[in-house]
Every structure is written in structure tokens, then in C-alpha cells.
Amino acid sequence: MTHAEFQTRWQGAGGAERANYGLFLTELCDLLEVPRPEATTDKPTQDAYVFERAVTFNNGPSSKASTGRIDLYKRGCFVLETKQGVGSFEDFSLTDDLKRGNAGTRERGNAGTREN
């Protein structure tokens, strides 16, 4: 699939973010010519590159920890959380979001999450 075909295929995708993210990210891996994520195991410490990576959220001293999932996780490389589309790609501006402080809420090294 070419970049143009990928864009055409996905530009009109709608619905809930969870409905298409696995297929979208798998096709993105193919487009970028990088390996696809591996199957999740019953041993989270071995899940180095998977969809739906289990994590424990430390919600602060007055709250108990909760369990969550990372949409796509690659140990030592990245954590990816999918979100619904932003409208047309032309309307999206990462620079403007960074100026407004909307690009993310956690800083590197934040102790708010830890791997299971």
C-alpha cells in the first residue's frame, strides 16, 4: 500500500477510536516497513511489543492503584494511545496544540504509571 492509498483508506474512518485502531496501526506498521506487534501473553513482563499492554496506575497516596491498558506498547521505545480523529488533517496543528499545552499532560519520568 502506498502512502496515498493509506491516507485515502483511513481519512474517512469514523466511529469509536477502539473500533479501528488495531487494524490502522497494523497497516501503518506495514506502510513503514516495521514489524507488527506480537501476540500478548499471559506474562505481562514478557510482552515487549504488543497491543493492550497491562499497566498499573498509581493514583496518588489517597487513592488505590487501578489497572489500565496501553493501546500499543514497545518496551524501551514508545507508548501509543489512540484517539478519535481530529477532523480533517489540514485542521490539525501540533504546533498550536503545543503552544496551548494540549499535546500531553504528563512529562517524561512521571511516576504516575508503572509496568506490571
PDB file of N, CA and C in Angstrom:
ATOM      1  N   MET A   1       0.850  -1.174   0.000  1.00  0.00           N
ATOM      2  CA  MET A   1       0.000   0.000   0.000  1.00  0.00           C
ATOM      3  C   MET A   1       0.896   1.237   0.000  1.00  0.00           C
ATOM      4  N   THR A   2       0.581   2.200  -0.828  1.00  0.00           N
ATOM      5  CA  THR A   2       1.346   3.448  -0.872  1.00  0.00           C
ATOM      6  C   THR A   2       0.853   4.397   0.215  1.00  0.00           C
ATOM      7  N   HIS A   3       1.618   5.469   0.459  1.00  0.00           N
ATOM      8  CA  HIS A   3       1.189   6.479   1.426  1.00  0.00           C
ATOM      9  C   HIS A   3      -0.159   7.067   1.025  1.00  0.00           C
ATOM     10  N   ALA A   4      -0.326   7.372  -0.260  1.00  0.00           N
ATOM     11  CA  ALA A   4      -1.581   7.955  -0.747  1.00  0.00           C
ATOM     12  C   ALA A   4      -2.748   6.987  -0.546  1.00  0.00           C
ATOM     13  N   GLU A   5      -2.532   5.711  -0.815  1.00  0.00           N
ATOM     14  CA  GLU A   5      -3.593   4.714  -0.615  1.00  0.00           C
ATOM     15  C   GLU A   5      -3.949   4.589   0.862  1.00  0.00           C
ATOM     16  N   PHE A   6      -2.938   4.618   1.716  1.00  0.00           N
ATOM     17  CA  PHE A   6      -3.171   4.553   3.159  1.00  0.00           C
ATOM     18  C   PHE A   6      -4.003   5.746   3.611  1.00  0.00           C
ATOM     19  N   GLN A   7      -3.622   6.928   3.174  1.00  0.00           N
ATOM     20  CA  GLN A   7      -4.352   8.131   3.558  1.00  0.00           C
ATOM     21  C   GLN A   7      -5.787   8.080   3.053  1.00  0.00           C
ATOM     22  N   THR A   8      -5.972   7.684   1.810  1.00  0.00           N
ATOM     23  CA  THR A   8      -7.320   7.595   1.248  1.00  0.00           C
ATOM     24  C   THR A   8      -8.157   6.583   2.026  1.00  0.00           C
ATOM     25  N   ARG A   9      -7.559   5.453   2.342  1.00  0.00           N
ATOM     26  CA  ARG A   9      -8.289   4.407   3.070  1.00  0.00           C
ATOM     27  C   ARG A   9      -8.759   4.888   4.433  1.00  0.00           C
ATOM     28  N   TRP A  10      -7.922   5.649   5.143  1.00  0.00           N
ATOM     29  CA  TRP A  10      -8.211   5.983   6.527  1.00  0.00           C
ATOM     30  C   TRP A  10      -8.777   7.374   6.744  1.00  0.00           C
ATOM     31  N   GLN A  11      -8.733   8.252   5.773  1.00  0.00           N
ATOM     32  CA  GLN A  11      -9.180   9.625   6.026  1.00  0.00           C
ATOM     33  C   GLN A  11     -10.662   9.712   6.362  1.00  0.00           C
ATOM     34  N   GLY A  12     -11.471   8.808   5.880  1.00  0.00           N
ATOM     35  CA  GLY A  12     -12.897   8.855   6.171  1.00  0.00           C
ATOM     36  C   GLY A  12     -13.333   7.944   7.288  1.00  0.00           C
ATOM     37  N   ALA A  13     -12.386   7.266   7.937  1.00  0.00           N
ATOM     38  CA  ALA A  13     -12.750   6.329   9.001  1.00  0.00           C
ATOM     39  C   ALA A  13     -13.357   7.084  10.170  1.00  0.00           C
ATOM     40  N   GLY A  14     -14.418   6.554  10.692  1.00  0.00           N
ATOM     41  CA  GLY A  14     -15.084   7.183  11.828  1.00  0.00           C
ATOM     42  C   GLY A  14     -15.377   6.151  12.886  1.00  0.00           C
ATOM     43  N   GLY A  15     -16.327   6.469  13.727  1.00  0.00           N
ATOM     44  CA  GLY A  15     -16.700   5.546  14.786  1.00  0.00           C
ATOM     45  C   GLY A  15     -15.829   5.730  16.006  1.00  0.00           C
ATOM     46  N   ALA A  16     -16.029   4.854  16.944  1.00  0.00           N
ATOM     47  CA  ALA A  16     -15.268   4.904  18.188  1.00  0.00           C
ATOM     48  C   ALA A  16     -13.801   4.597  17.918  1.00  0.00           C
ATOM     49  N   GLU A  17     -12.931   5.225  18.694  1.00  0.00           N
ATOM     50  CA  GLU A  17     -11.497   5.041  18.467  1.00  0.00           C
ATOM     51  C   GLU A  17     -11.082   3.575  18.587  1.00  0.00           C
ATOM     52  N   ARG A  18     -11.716   2.813  19.449  1.00  0.00           N
ATOM     53  CA  ARG A  18     -11.331   1.424  19.662  1.00  0.00           C
ATOM     54  C   ARG A  18     -11.731   0.518  18.505  1.00  0.00           C
ATOM     55  N   ALA A  19     -12.656   0.974  17.676  1.00  0.00           N
ATOM     56  CA  ALA A  19     -13.172   0.123  16.602  1.00  0.00           C
ATOM     57  C   ALA A  19     -12.122  -0.204  15.552  1.00  0.00           C
ATOM     58  N   ASN A  20     -11.236   0.713  15.237  1.00  0.00           N
ATOM     59  CA  ASN A  20     -10.315   0.540  14.118  1.00  0.00           C
ATOM     60  C   ASN A  20      -8.839   0.621  14.468  1.00  0.00           C
ATOM     61  N   TYR A  21      -8.497   0.932  15.701  1.00  0.00           N
ATOM     62  CA  TYR A  21      -7.097   1.255  15.970  1.00  0.00           C
ATOM     63  C   TYR A  21      -6.138   0.099  15.705  1.00  0.00           C
ATOM     64  N   GLY A  22      -6.515  -1.138  16.011  1.00  0.00           N
ATOM     65  CA  GLY A  22      -5.617  -2.269  15.782  1.00  0.00           C
ATOM     66  C   GLY A  22      -5.297  -2.461  14.309  1.00  0.00           C
ATOM     67  N   LEU A  23      -6.334  -2.401  13.482  1.00  0.00           N
ATOM     68  CA  LEU A  23      -6.135  -2.543  12.043  1.00  0.00           C
ATOM     69  C   LEU A  23      -5.342  -1.362  11.490  1.00  0.00           C
ATOM     70  N   PHE A  24      -5.688  -0.137  11.938  1.00  0.00           N
ATOM     71  CA  PHE A  24      -4.969   1.055  11.485  1.00  0.00           C
ATOM     72  C   PHE A  24      -3.482   0.948  11.805  1.00  0.00           C
ATOM     73  N   LEU A  25      -3.153   0.597  13.042  1.00  0.00           N
ATOM     74  CA  LEU A  25      -1.747   0.540  13.452  1.00  0.00           C
ATOM     75  C   LEU A  25      -1.004  -0.611  12.787  1.00  0.00           C
ATOM     76  N   THR A  26      -1.675  -1.722  12.556  1.00  0.00           N
ATOM     77  CA  THR A  26      -1.050  -2.835  11.836  1.00  0.00           C
ATOM     78  C   THR A  26      -0.718  -2.421  10.412  1.00  0.00           C
ATOM     79  N   GLU A  27      -1.663  -1.753   9.742  1.00  0.00           N
ATOM     80  CA  GLU A  27      -1.401  -1.281   8.380  1.00  0.00           C
ATOM     81  C   GLU A  27      -0.339  -0.186   8.362  1.00  0.00           C
ATOM     82  N   LEU A  28      -0.299   0.646   9.401  1.00  0.00           N
ATOM     83  CA  LEU A  28       0.749   1.664   9.494  1.00  0.00           C
ATOM     84  C   LEU A  28       2.120   0.997   9.628  1.00  0.00           C
ATOM     85  N   CYS A  29       2.214  -0.052  10.424  1.00  0.00           N
ATOM     86  CA  CYS A  29       3.480  -0.797  10.535  1.00  0.00           C
ATOM     87  C   CYS A  29       3.907  -1.332   9.177  1.00  0.00           C
ATOM     88  N   ASP A  30       2.955  -1.886   8.430  1.00  0.00           N
ATOM     89  CA  ASP A  30       3.269  -2.403   7.092  1.00  0.00           C
ATOM     90  C   ASP A  30       3.763  -1.281   6.190  1.00  0.00           C
ATOM     91  N   LEU A  31       3.082  -0.140   6.237  1.00  0.00           N
ATOM     92  CA  LEU A  31       3.463   1.004   5.410  1.00  0.00           C
ATOM     93  C   LEU A  31       4.877   1.473   5.746  1.00  0.00           C
ATOM     94  N   LEU A  32       5.199   1.507   7.025  1.00  0.00           N
ATOM     95  CA  LEU A  32       6.517   1.961   7.478  1.00  0.00           C
ATOM     96  C   LEU A  32       7.582   0.870   7.376  1.00  0.00           C
ATOM     97  N   GLU A  33       7.149  -0.322   6.990  1.00  0.00           N
ATOM     98  CA  GLU A  33       8.050  -1.471   6.853  1.00  0.00           C
ATOM     99  C   GLU A  33       8.774  -1.793   8.159  1.00  0.00           C
ATOM    100  N   VAL A  34       7.994  -1.793   9.241  1.00  0.00           N
ATOM    101  CA  VAL A  34       8.495  -2.190  10.554  1.00  0.00           C
ATOM    102  C   VAL A  34       7.684  -3.406  11.003  1.00  0.00           C
ATOM    103  N   PRO A  35       8.213  -4.201  11.920  1.00  0.00           N
ATOM    104  CA  PRO A  35       7.477  -5.388  12.372  1.00  0.00           C
ATOM    105  C   PRO A  35       6.136  -5.024  13.010  1.00  0.00           C
ATOM    106  N   ARG A  36       5.175  -5.911  12.838  1.00  0.00           N
ATOM    107  CA  ARG A  36       3.878  -5.762  13.506  1.00  0.00           C
ATOM    108  C   ARG A  36       4.027  -6.159  14.978  1.00  0.00           C
ATOM    109  N   PRO A  37       3.131  -5.660  15.849  1.00  0.00           N
ATOM    110  CA  PRO A  37       3.162  -6.088  17.251  1.00  0.00           C
ATOM    111  C   PRO A  37       2.974  -7.603  17.369  1.00  0.00           C
ATOM    112  N   GLU A  38       3.444  -8.129  18.487  1.00  0.00           N
ATOM    113  CA  GLU A  38       3.364  -9.563  18.759  1.00  0.00           C
ATOM    114  C   GLU A  38       2.089  -9.880  19.530  1.00  0.00           C
ATOM    115  N   ALA A  39       1.760 -11.148  19.635  1.00  0.00           N
ATOM    116  CA  ALA A  39       0.607 -11.583  20.423  1.00  0.00           C
ATOM    117  C   ALA A  39       0.893 -11.353  21.906  1.00  0.00           C
ATOM    118  N   THR A  40      -0.113 -10.916  22.644  1.00  0.00           N
ATOM    119  CA  THR A  40       0.009 -10.728  24.080  1.00  0.00           C
ATOM    120  C   THR A  40       0.050 -12.092  24.757  1.00  0.00           C
ATOM    121  N   THR A  41       0.870 -12.202  25.791  1.00  0.00           N
ATOM    122  CA  THR A  41       0.989 -13.463  26.532  1.00  0.00           C
ATOM    123  C   THR A  41       0.280 -13.345  27.873  1.00  0.00           C
ATOM    124  N   ASP A  42       0.312 -14.418  28.645  1.00  0.00           N
ATOM    125  CA  ASP A  42      -0.241 -14.364  29.999  1.00  0.00           C
ATOM    126  C   ASP A  42       0.804 -13.895  31.009  1.00  0.00           C
ATOM    127  N   LYS A  43       1.968 -13.451  30.509  1.00  0.00           N
ATOM    128  CA  LYS A  43       3.049 -12.947  31.362  1.00  0.00           C
ATOM    129  C   LYS A  43       3.397 -11.532  30.908  1.00  0.00           C
ATOM    130  N   PRO A  44       2.766 -10.502  31.501  1.00  0.00           N
ATOM    131  CA  PRO A  44       2.978  -9.122  31.049  1.00  0.00           C
ATOM    132  C   PRO A  44       4.436  -8.688  30.990  1.00  0.00           C
ATOM    133  N   THR A  45       5.290  -9.229  31.845  1.00  0.00           N
ATOM    134  CA  THR A  45       6.701  -8.828  31.811  1.00  0.00           C
ATOM    135  C   THR A  45       7.389  -9.266  30.522  1.00  0.00           C
ATOM    136  N   GLN A  46       6.810 -10.234  29.817  1.00  0.00           N
ATOM    137  CA  GLN A  46       7.379 -10.694  28.552  1.00  0.00           C
ATOM    138  C   GLN A  46       6.780  -9.967  27.350  1.00  0.00           C
ATOM    139  N   ASP A  47       5.736  -9.182  27.560  1.00  0.00           N
ATOM    140  CA  ASP A  47       5.048  -8.501  26.461  1.00  0.00           C
ATOM    141  C   ASP A  47       5.790  -7.223  26.086  1.00  0.00           C
ATOM    142  N   ALA A  48       6.794  -7.370  25.224  1.00  0.00           N
ATOM    143  CA  ALA A  48       7.676  -6.257  24.882  1.00  0.00           C
ATOM    144  C   ALA A  48       7.142  -5.371  23.761  1.00  0.00           C
ATOM    145  N   TYR A  49       6.270  -5.892  22.894  1.00  0.00           N
ATOM    146  CA  TYR A  49       5.754  -5.118  21.758  1.00  0.00           C
ATOM    147  C   TYR A  49       4.368  -5.656  21.431  1.00  0.00           C
ATOM    148  N   VAL A  50       3.354  -5.081  22.081  1.00  0.00           N
ATOM    149  CA  VAL A  50       2.005  -5.638  21.999  1.00  0.00           C
ATOM    150  C   VAL A  50       0.934  -4.545  22.017  1.00  0.00           C
ATOM    151  N   PHE A  51      -0.245  -4.927  21.547  1.00  0.00           N
ATOM    152  CA  PHE A  51      -1.449  -4.130  21.752  1.00  0.00           C
ATOM    153  C   PHE A  51      -1.977  -4.430  23.154  1.00  0.00           C
ATOM    154  N   GLU A  52      -2.657  -3.458  23.757  1.00  0.00           N
ATOM    155  CA  GLU A  52      -3.361  -3.644  25.028  1.00  0.00           C
ATOM    156  C   GLU A  52      -2.446  -4.137  26.148  1.00  0.00           C
ATOM    157  N   ARG A  53      -1.331  -3.458  26.348  1.00  0.00           N
ATOM    158  CA  ARG A  53      -0.358  -3.804  27.397  1.00  0.00           C
ATOM    159  C   ARG A  53      -0.912  -3.416  28.759  1.00  0.00           C
ATOM    160  N   ALA A  54      -0.976  -4.360  29.684  1.00  0.00           N
ATOM    161  CA  ALA A  54      -1.494  -4.103  31.027  1.00  0.00           C
ATOM    162  C   ALA A  54      -0.532  -3.213  31.810  1.00  0.00           C
ATOM    163  N   VAL A  55      -1.074  -2.220  32.516  1.00  0.00           N
ATOM    164  CA  VAL A  55      -0.294  -1.334  33.383  1.00  0.00           C
ATOM    165  C   VAL A  55      -1.076  -1.086  34.665  1.00  0.00           C
ATOM    166  N   THR A  56      -0.357  -0.696  35.706  1.00  0.00           N
ATOM    167  CA  THR A  56      -0.983  -0.296  36.956  1.00  0.00           C
ATOM    168  C   THR A  56      -0.770   1.196  37.135  1.00  0.00           C
ATOM    169  N   PHE A  57      -1.854   1.928  37.353  1.00  0.00           N
ATOM    170  CA  PHE A  57      -1.786   3.371  37.552  1.00  0.00           C
ATOM    171  C   PHE A  57      -1.739   3.665  39.042  1.00  0.00           C
ATOM    172  N   ASN A  58      -0.728   4.431  39.457  1.00  0.00           N
ATOM    173  CA  ASN A  58      -0.611   4.882  40.828  1.00  0.00           C
ATOM    174  C   ASN A  58      -1.366   6.198  40.908  1.00  0.00           C
ATOM    175  N   ASN A  59      -2.530   6.192  41.545  1.00  0.00           N
ATOM    176  CA  ASN A  59      -3.413   7.357  41.561  1.00  0.00           C
ATOM    177  C   ASN A  59      -3.177   8.293  42.737  1.00  0.00           C
ATOM    178  N   GLY A  60      -2.038   8.188  43.372  1.00  0.00           N
ATOM    179  CA  GLY A  60      -1.705   9.095  44.464  1.00  0.00           C
ATOM    180  C   GLY A  60      -1.891   8.440  45.815  1.00  0.00           C
ATOM    181  N   PRO A  61      -1.373   9.091  46.861  1.00  0.00           N
ATOM    182  CA  PRO A  61      -1.379   8.484  48.189  1.00  0.00           C
ATOM    183  C   PRO A  61      -2.776   8.277  48.770  1.00  0.00           C
ATOM    184  N   SER A  62      -3.759   9.075  48.362  1.00  0.00           N
ATOM    185  CA  SER A  62      -5.097   8.939  48.932  1.00  0.00           C
ATOM    186  C   SER A  62      -6.007   8.026  48.115  1.00  0.00           C
ATOM    187  N   SER A  63      -5.509   7.491  47.020  1.00  0.00           N
ATOM    188  CA  SER A  63      -6.310   6.605  46.168  1.00  0.00           C
ATOM    189  C   SER A  63      -5.589   5.288  45.975  1.00  0.00           C
ATOM    190  N   LYS A  64      -6.365   4.243  45.748  1.00  0.00           N
ATOM    191  CA  LYS A  64      -5.703   2.970  45.478  1.00  0.00           C
ATOM    192  C   LYS A  64      -5.368   2.853  44.000  1.00  0.00           C
ATOM    193  N   ALA A  65      -4.413   2.010  43.702  1.00  0.00           N
ATOM    194  CA  ALA A  65      -3.956   1.815  42.321  1.00  0.00           C
ATOM    195  C   ALA A  65      -5.075   1.195  41.491  1.00  0.00           C
ATOM    196  N   SER A  66      -5.042   1.478  40.202  1.00  0.00           N
ATOM    197  CA  SER A  66      -6.016   0.891  39.283  1.00  0.00           C
ATOM    198  C   SER A  66      -5.276   0.292  38.093  1.00  0.00           C
ATOM    199  N   THR A  67      -5.935  -0.633  37.434  1.00  0.00           N
ATOM    200  CA  THR A  67      -5.341  -1.298  36.278  1.00  0.00           C
ATOM    201  C   THR A  67      -5.885  -0.678  35.003  1.00  0.00           C
ATOM    202  N   GLY A  68      -5.010  -0.519  34.029  1.00  0.00           N
ATOM    203  CA  GLY A  68      -5.417   0.013  32.731  1.00  0.00           C
ATOM    204  C   GLY A  68      -4.676  -0.702  31.623  1.00  0.00           C
ATOM    205  N   ARG A  69      -4.815  -0.176  30.432  1.00  0.00           N
ATOM    206  CA  ARG A  69      -4.177  -0.775  29.257  1.00  0.00           C
ATOM    207  C   ARG A  69      -3.594   0.318  28.381  1.00  0.00           C
ATOM    208  N   ILE A  70      -2.445   0.027  27.774  1.00  0.00           N
ATOM    209  CA  ILE A  70      -1.815   0.902  26.786  1.00  0.00           C
ATOM    210  C   ILE A  70      -2.177   0.336  25.423  1.00  0.00           C
ATOM    211  N   ASP A  71      -2.669   1.191  24.530  1.00  0.00           N
ATOM    212  CA  ASP A  71      -3.123   0.710  23.228  1.00  0.00           C
ATOM    213  C   ASP A  71      -2.022  -0.001  22.449  1.00  0.00           C
ATOM    214  N   LEU A  72      -0.840   0.580  22.375  1.00  0.00           N
ATOM    215  CA  LEU A  72       0.298  -0.077  21.721  1.00  0.00           C
ATOM    216  C   LEU A  72       1.553   0.276  22.504  1.00  0.00           C
ATOM    217  N   TYR A  73       2.293  -0.740  22.883  1.00  0.00           N
ATOM    218  CA  TYR A  73       3.465  -0.586  23.744  1.00  0.00           C
ATOM    219  C   TYR A  73       4.651  -1.290  23.110  1.00  0.00           C
ATOM    220  N   LYS A  74       5.792  -0.606  23.084  1.00  0.00           N
ATOM    221  CA  LYS A  74       7.047  -1.251  22.680  1.00  0.00           C
ATOM    222  C   LYS A  74       8.102  -0.865  23.709  1.00  0.00           C
ATOM    223  N   ARG A  75       8.515  -1.845  24.482  1.00  0.00           N
ATOM    224  CA  ARG A  75       9.452  -1.620  25.585  1.00  0.00           C
ATOM    225  C   ARG A  75      10.692  -0.873  25.110  1.00  0.00           C
ATOM    226  N   GLY A  76      11.037   0.178  25.834  1.00  0.00           N
ATOM    227  CA  GLY A  76      12.233   0.952  25.540  1.00  0.00           C
ATOM    228  C   GLY A  76      12.105   1.890  24.355  1.00  0.00           C
ATOM    229  N   CYS A  77      10.941   1.897  23.711  1.00  0.00           N
ATOM    230  CA  CYS A  77      10.765   2.729  22.509  1.00  0.00           C
ATOM    231  C   CYS A  77       9.620   3.720  22.632  1.00  0.00           C
ATOM    232  N   PHE A  78       8.396   3.221  22.856  1.00  0.00           N
ATOM    233  CA  PHE A  78       7.253   4.128  22.872  1.00  0.00           C
ATOM    234  C   PHE A  78       6.033   3.508  23.535  1.00  0.00           C
ATOM    235  N   VAL A  79       5.121   4.407  23.898  1.00  0.00           N
ATOM    236  CA  VAL A  79       3.770   4.082  24.338  1.00  0.00           C
ATOM    237  C   VAL A  79       2.852   4.868  23.428  1.00  0.00           C
ATOM    238  N   LEU A  80       1.872   4.218  22.840  1.00  0.00           N
ATOM    239  CA  LEU A  80       0.974   4.896  21.911  1.00  0.00           C
ATOM    240  C   LEU A  80      -0.464   4.721  22.381  1.00  0.00           C
ATOM    241  N   GLU A  81      -1.160   5.825  22.556  1.00  0.00           N
ATOM    242  CA  GLU A  81      -2.578   5.824  22.890  1.00  0.00           C
ATOM    243  C   GLU A  81      -3.346   6.389  21.714  1.00  0.00           C
ATOM    244  N   THR A  82      -4.322   5.663  21.242  1.00  0.00           N
ATOM    245  CA  THR A  82      -5.112   6.133  20.104  1.00  0.00           C
ATOM    246  C   THR A  82      -6.225   7.049  20.586  1.00  0.00           C
ATOM    247  N   LYS A  83      -6.601   7.969  19.718  1.00  0.00           N
ATOM    248  CA  LYS A  83      -7.707   8.892  19.973  1.00  0.00           C
ATOM    249  C   LYS A  83      -8.524   9.016  18.708  1.00  0.00           C
ATOM    250  N   GLN A  84      -9.767   9.438  18.862  1.00  0.00           N
ATOM    251  CA  GLN A  84     -10.593   9.655  17.681  1.00  0.00           C
ATOM    252  C   GLN A  84      -9.984  10.734  16.814  1.00  0.00           C
ATOM    253  N   GLY A  85     -10.374  10.749  15.550  1.00  0.00           N
ATOM    254  CA  GLY A  85      -9.851  11.723  14.601  1.00  0.00           C
ATOM    255  C   GLY A  85     -10.071  13.159  15.031  1.00  0.00           C
ATOM    256  N   VAL A  86      -9.302  14.058  14.429  1.00  0.00           N
ATOM    257  CA  VAL A  86      -9.360  15.480  14.754  1.00  0.00           C
ATOM    258  C   VAL A  86     -10.076  16.272  13.672  1.00  0.00           C
ATOM    259  N   GLY A  87     -10.845  15.613  12.850  1.00  0.00           N
ATOM    260  CA  GLY A  87     -11.437  16.299  11.706  1.00  0.00           C
ATOM    261  C   GLY A  87     -10.509  16.124  10.530  1.00  0.00           C
ATOM    262  N   SER A  88     -10.426  17.117   9.694  1.00  0.00           N
ATOM    263  CA  SER A  88      -9.536  16.998   8.541  1.00  0.00           C
ATOM    264  C   SER A  88      -8.095  17.184   8.991  1.00  0.00           C
ATOM    265  N   PHE A  89      -7.193  16.514   8.311  1.00  0.00           N
ATOM    266  CA  PHE A  89      -5.779  16.603   8.661  1.00  0.00           C
ATOM    267  C   PHE A  89      -5.293  18.036   8.571  1.00  0.00           C
ATOM    268  N   GLU A  90      -5.828  18.790   7.622  1.00  0.00           N
ATOM    269  CA  GLU A  90      -5.407  20.181   7.449  1.00  0.00           C
ATOM    270  C   GLU A  90      -5.770  21.035   8.665  1.00  0.00           C
ATOM    271  N   ASP A  91      -6.808  20.635   9.423  1.00  0.00           N
ATOM    272  CA  ASP A  91      -7.230  21.387  10.606  1.00  0.00           C
ATOM    273  C   ASP A  91      -6.347  21.104  11.817  1.00  0.00           C
ATOM    274  N   PHE A  92      -5.535  20.060  11.755  1.00  0.00           N
ATOM    275  CA  PHE A  92      -4.713  19.647  12.879  1.00  0.00           C
ATOM    276  C   PHE A  92      -3.394  20.396  12.868  1.00  0.00           C
ATOM    277  N   SER A  93      -3.024  20.946  14.010  1.00  0.00           N
ATOM    278  CA  SER A  93      -1.749  21.644  14.115  1.00  0.00           C
ATOM    279  C   SER A  93      -1.094  21.283  15.435  1.00  0.00           C
ATOM    280  N   LEU A  94      -0.081  20.448  15.385  1.00  0.00           N
ATOM    281  CA  LEU A  94       0.639  20.075  16.591  1.00  0.00           C
ATOM    282  C   LEU A  94       1.298  21.295  17.220  1.00  0.00           C
ATOM    283  N   THR A  95       1.802  22.207  16.396  1.00  0.00           N
ATOM    284  CA  THR A  95       2.447  23.414  16.914  1.00  0.00           C
ATOM    285  C   THR A  95       1.473  24.215  17.765  1.00  0.00           C
ATOM    286  N   ASP A  96       0.252  24.422  17.277  1.00  0.00           N
ATOM    287  CA  ASP A  96      -0.750  25.155  18.049  1.00  0.00           C
ATOM    288  C   ASP A  96      -1.100  24.416  19.334  1.00  0.00           C
ATOM    289  N   ASP A  97      -1.233  23.090  19.270  1.00  0.00           N
ATOM    290  CA  ASP A  97      -1.540  22.317  20.464  1.00  0.00           C
ATOM    291  C   ASP A  97      -0.422  22.426  21.494  1.00  0.00           C
ATOM    292  N   LEU A  98       0.824  22.407  21.047  1.00  0.00           N
ATOM    293  CA  LEU A  98       1.946  22.549  21.973  1.00  0.00           C
ATOM    294  C   LEU A  98       1.929  23.915  22.644  1.00  0.00           C
ATOM    295  N   LYS A  99       1.608  24.962  21.888  1.00  0.00           N
ATOM    296  CA  LYS A  99       1.542  26.311  22.459  1.00  0.00           C
ATOM    297  C   LYS A  99       0.457  26.402  23.521  1.00  0.00           C
ATOM    298  N   ARG A 100      -0.668  25.701  23.303  1.00  0.00           N
ATOM    299  CA  ARG A 100      -1.784  25.725  24.256  1.00  0.00           C
ATOM    300  C   ARG A 100      -1.579  24.725  25.387  1.00  0.00           C
ATOM    301  N   GLY A 101      -0.583  23.865  25.259  1.00  0.00           N
ATOM    302  CA  GLY A 101      -0.352  22.852  26.282  1.00  0.00           C
ATOM    303  C   GLY A 101      -1.274  21.658  26.162  1.00  0.00           C
ATOM    304  N   ASN A 102      -1.833  21.410  24.969  1.00  0.00           N
ATOM    305  CA  ASN A 102      -2.779  20.314  24.799  1.00  0.00           C
ATOM    306  C   ASN A 102      -2.149  19.033  24.282  1.00  0.00           C
ATOM    307  N   ALA A 103      -0.881  19.018  23.989  1.00  0.00           N
ATOM    308  CA  ALA A 103      -0.274  17.860  23.338  1.00  0.00           C
ATOM    309  C   ALA A 103      -0.062  16.691  24.291  1.00  0.00           C
ATOM    310  N   GLY A 104      -0.142  16.902  25.576  1.00  0.00           N
ATOM    311  CA  GLY A 104       0.037  15.825  26.541  1.00  0.00           C
ATOM    312  C   GLY A 104       0.012  16.399  27.934  1.00  0.00           C
ATOM    313  N   THR A 105      -0.274  15.578  28.908  1.00  0.00           N
ATOM    314  CA  THR A 105      -0.385  16.087  30.261  1.00  0.00           C
ATOM    315  C   THR A 105       0.687  15.545  31.190  1.00  0.00           C
ATOM    316  N   ARG A 106       1.451  14.589  30.743  1.00  0.00           N
ATOM    317  CA  ARG A 106       2.499  14.032  31.602  1.00  0.00           C
ATOM    318  C   ARG A 106       3.864  14.320  31.027  1.00  0.00           C
ATOM    319  N   GLU A 107       4.796  14.540  31.918  1.00  0.00           N
ATOM    320  CA  GLU A 107       6.172  14.766  31.495  1.00  0.00           C
ATOM    321  C   GLU A 107       6.944  13.462  31.586  1.00  0.00           C
ATOM    322  N   ARG A 108       8.029  13.381  30.860  1.00  0.00           N
ATOM    323  CA  ARG A 108       8.891  12.192  30.940  1.00  0.00           C
ATOM    324  C   ARG A 108       9.344  11.971  32.366  1.00  0.00           C
ATOM    325  N   GLY A 109       9.423  10.727  32.742  1.00  0.00           N
ATOM    326  CA  GLY A 109       9.884  10.396  34.078  1.00  0.00           C
ATOM    327  C   GLY A 109       8.807  10.491  35.134  1.00  0.00           C
ATOM    328  N   ASN A 110       7.567  10.779  34.750  1.00  0.00           N
ATOM    329  CA  ASN A 110       6.473  10.864  35.696  1.00  0.00           C
ATOM    330  C   ASN A 110       6.262   9.505  36.345  1.00  0.00           C
ATOM    331  N   ALA A 111       6.130   9.496  37.634  1.00  0.00           N
ATOM    332  CA  ALA A 111       5.977   8.237  38.364  1.00  0.00           C
ATOM    333  C   ALA A 111       4.528   7.784  38.435  1.00  0.00           C
ATOM    334  N   GLY A 112       3.646   8.390  37.664  1.00  0.00           N
ATOM    335  CA  GLY A 112       2.227   8.057  37.725  1.00  0.00           C
ATOM    336  C   GLY A 112       1.862   6.709  37.156  1.00  0.00           C
ATOM    337  N   THR A 113       2.734   6.097  36.382  1.00  0.00           N
ATOM    338  CA  THR A 113       2.442   4.762  35.856  1.00  0.00           C
ATOM    339  C   THR A 113       3.652   3.870  36.040  1.00  0.00           C
ATOM    340  N   ARG A 114       3.387   2.599  36.092  1.00  0.00           N
ATOM    341  CA  ARG A 114       4.478   1.635  36.136  1.00  0.00           C
ATOM    342  C   ARG A 114       4.020   0.374  35.421  1.00  0.00           C
ATOM    343  N   GLU A 115       4.963  -0.366  34.887  1.00  0.00           N
ATOM    344  CA  GLU A 115       4.646  -1.611  34.184  1.00  0.00           C
ATOM    345  C   GLU A 115       4.251  -2.681  35.179  1.00  0.00           C
ATOM    346  N   ASN A 116       3.335  -3.557  34.759  1.00  0.00           N
ATOM    347  CA  ASN A 116       3.002  -4.733  35.576  1.00  0.00           C
ATOM    348  C   ASN A 116       4.078  -5.764  35.436  1.00  0.00           C
TER     349      ASN A 116
END
